[in-house]
Amino acid sequence: MLNIKQEALADKINVAQQTLSRYDVQEKLDDELLEKIAKELNIPVEAIKNFTEEGALNIISNTFQDEAFMGEVIHYNPTFNPIDKVVELYERMLKEKEERISFLEKILMEKK
């Protein structure tokens, strides 16, 4: 989810990649190790302990409110109004539906 390779994380916590891979499948890890991993991932330990994809995304998104992400700054300021995009999509879908109806009506008229 954080786009970090096992090799990079293993190097940061001073273990072999194979060791980290074994940690990945274990049911329980000691708190000290979890804290070390969480610190390197820049996430709370709870994001690991209570991991579900939805829950982790929520914790991670709340952790990075200052737009900082793994030492990088991400600015997402859309230059469009999302509502306008939804309206455009709806109008396009409506136009396609009208074209299909028109096409089907034409086929029906030809068969009569």
Protein backbone atom coordinates (compact mmCIF):
# COMPACT_ATOMS: atom_id res chain seq x y z
CA MET A 1 0.00 0.00 0.00
CA LEU A 2 2.86 2.37 0.71
CA ASN A 3 4.78 1.23 -2.36
CA ILE A 4 7.82 0.17 -0.35
CA LYS A 5 9.72 -2.93 -1.39
CA GLN A 6 10.55 -5.58 1.18
CA GLU A 7 14.25 -5.20 0.43
CA ALA A 8 14.16 -1.49 1.28
CA LEU A 9 12.24 -2.00 4.51
CA ALA A 10 14.41 -4.96 5.52
CA ASP A 11 17.50 -2.81 5.01
CA LYS A 12 16.02 -0.02 7.15
CA ILE A 13 15.27 -2.34 10.07
CA ASN A 14 18.58 -4.21 9.66
CA VAL A 15 17.27 -7.67 8.76
CA ALA A 16 17.53 -9.83 5.67
CA GLN A 17 14.70 -9.64 3.14
CA GLN A 18 13.94 -13.33 3.79
CA THR A 19 13.54 -12.57 7.51
CA LEU A 20 11.13 -9.74 6.76
CA SER A 21 9.24 -12.04 4.42
CA ARG A 22 8.81 -14.52 7.30
CA TYR A 23 7.56 -11.71 9.54
CA ASP A 24 4.98 -10.91 6.89
CA VAL A 25 3.25 -14.29 7.31
CA GLN A 26 3.53 -14.61 11.10
CA GLU A 27 0.37 -14.16 13.16
CA LYS A 28 2.07 -12.17 15.93
CA LEU A 29 5.24 -10.10 16.21
CA ASP A 30 6.73 -8.62 19.36
CA ASP A 31 5.90 -4.99 20.12
CA GLU A 32 9.49 -3.77 19.79
CA LEU A 33 9.72 -5.13 16.24
CA LEU A 34 6.31 -3.70 15.35
CA GLU A 35 7.37 -0.29 16.64
CA LYS A 36 10.57 -0.44 14.60
CA ILE A 37 8.68 -1.36 11.43
CA ALA A 38 5.95 1.23 12.05
CA LYS A 39 8.58 3.92 12.61
CA GLU A 40 10.29 3.12 9.31
CA LEU A 41 6.95 3.06 7.48
CA ASN A 42 5.99 6.33 9.19
CA ILE A 43 2.65 4.89 10.34
CA PRO A 44 1.17 4.16 13.78
CA VAL A 45 1.71 0.68 15.23
CA GLU A 46 -2.10 0.32 15.30
CA ALA A 47 -2.12 0.37 11.49
CA ILE A 48 -0.12 -2.88 11.60
CA LYS A 49 -1.75 -4.50 14.63
CA ASN A 50 -5.32 -3.91 13.44
CA PHE A 51 -4.63 -4.27 9.75
CA THR A 52 -7.47 -4.36 7.30
CA GLU A 53 -7.03 -2.64 3.97
CA GLU A 54 -9.90 -0.24 4.66
CA GLY A 55 -8.80 0.46 8.23
CA ALA A 56 -5.16 0.93 7.27
CA LEU A 57 -6.05 3.36 4.52
CA ASN A 58 -8.13 5.34 6.96
CA ILE A 59 -5.35 5.46 9.58
CA ILE A 60 -2.71 6.29 6.98
CA SER A 61 -4.77 9.03 5.36
CA ASN A 62 -5.42 10.56 8.79
CA THR A 63 -1.71 10.34 9.65
CA PHE A 64 -0.67 12.36 6.62
CA GLN A 65 -2.98 15.34 7.02
CA ASP A 66 -0.04 17.68 6.59
CA GLU A 67 0.41 16.34 3.02
CA ALA A 68 3.71 14.69 4.00
CA PHE A 69 4.14 11.21 2.63
CA MET A 70 7.30 9.23 3.28
CA GLY A 71 9.43 12.36 3.18
CA GLU A 72 7.81 13.66 0.01
CA VAL A 73 5.20 16.34 -0.29
CA ILE A 74 2.10 15.59 -2.29
CA HIS A 75 -0.13 18.45 -3.35
CA TYR A 76 -3.47 17.49 -4.74
CA ASN A 77 -5.38 20.57 -5.68
CA PRO A 78 -7.64 19.75 -8.61
CA THR A 79 -8.12 22.53 -11.12
CA PHE A 80 -11.64 21.40 -11.85
CA ASN A 81 -14.87 21.12 -9.94
CA PRO A 82 -15.58 17.42 -9.29
CA ILE A 83 -19.33 18.08 -9.54
CA ASP A 84 -18.81 19.43 -13.05
CA LYS A 85 -17.03 16.20 -14.00
CA VAL A 86 -19.92 14.12 -12.63
CA VAL A 87 -22.39 16.23 -14.61
CA GLU A 88 -20.26 15.83 -17.76
CA LEU A 89 -20.16 12.07 -17.28
CA TYR A 90 -23.91 11.92 -16.72
CA GLU A 91 -24.59 14.02 -19.81
CA ARG A 92 -22.28 11.84 -21.91
CA MET A 93 -23.98 8.68 -20.65
CA LEU A 94 -27.41 10.19 -21.33
CA LYS A 95 -26.37 11.15 -24.87
CA GLU A 96 -25.08 7.61 -25.53
CA LYS A 97 -28.33 6.16 -24.23
CA GLU A 98 -30.36 8.47 -26.47
CA GLU A 99 -28.22 7.46 -29.46
CA ARG A 100 -28.83 3.76 -28.69
CA ILE A 101 -32.57 4.34 -28.39
CA SER A 102 -32.56 6.24 -31.68
CA PHE A 103 -30.59 3.45 -33.35
CA LEU A 104 -32.96 0.78 -32.03
CA GLU A 105 -36.00 2.80 -33.13
CA LYS A 106 -34.47 3.06 -36.60
CA ILE A 107 -33.95 -0.71 -36.75
CA LEU A 108 -37.55 -1.30 -35.64
CA MET A 109 -38.90 1.08 -38.31
CA GLU A 110 -36.88 -0.68 -40.99
CA LYS A 111 -38.33 -4.06 -39.98
CA LYS A 112 -41.93 -2.84 -40.29
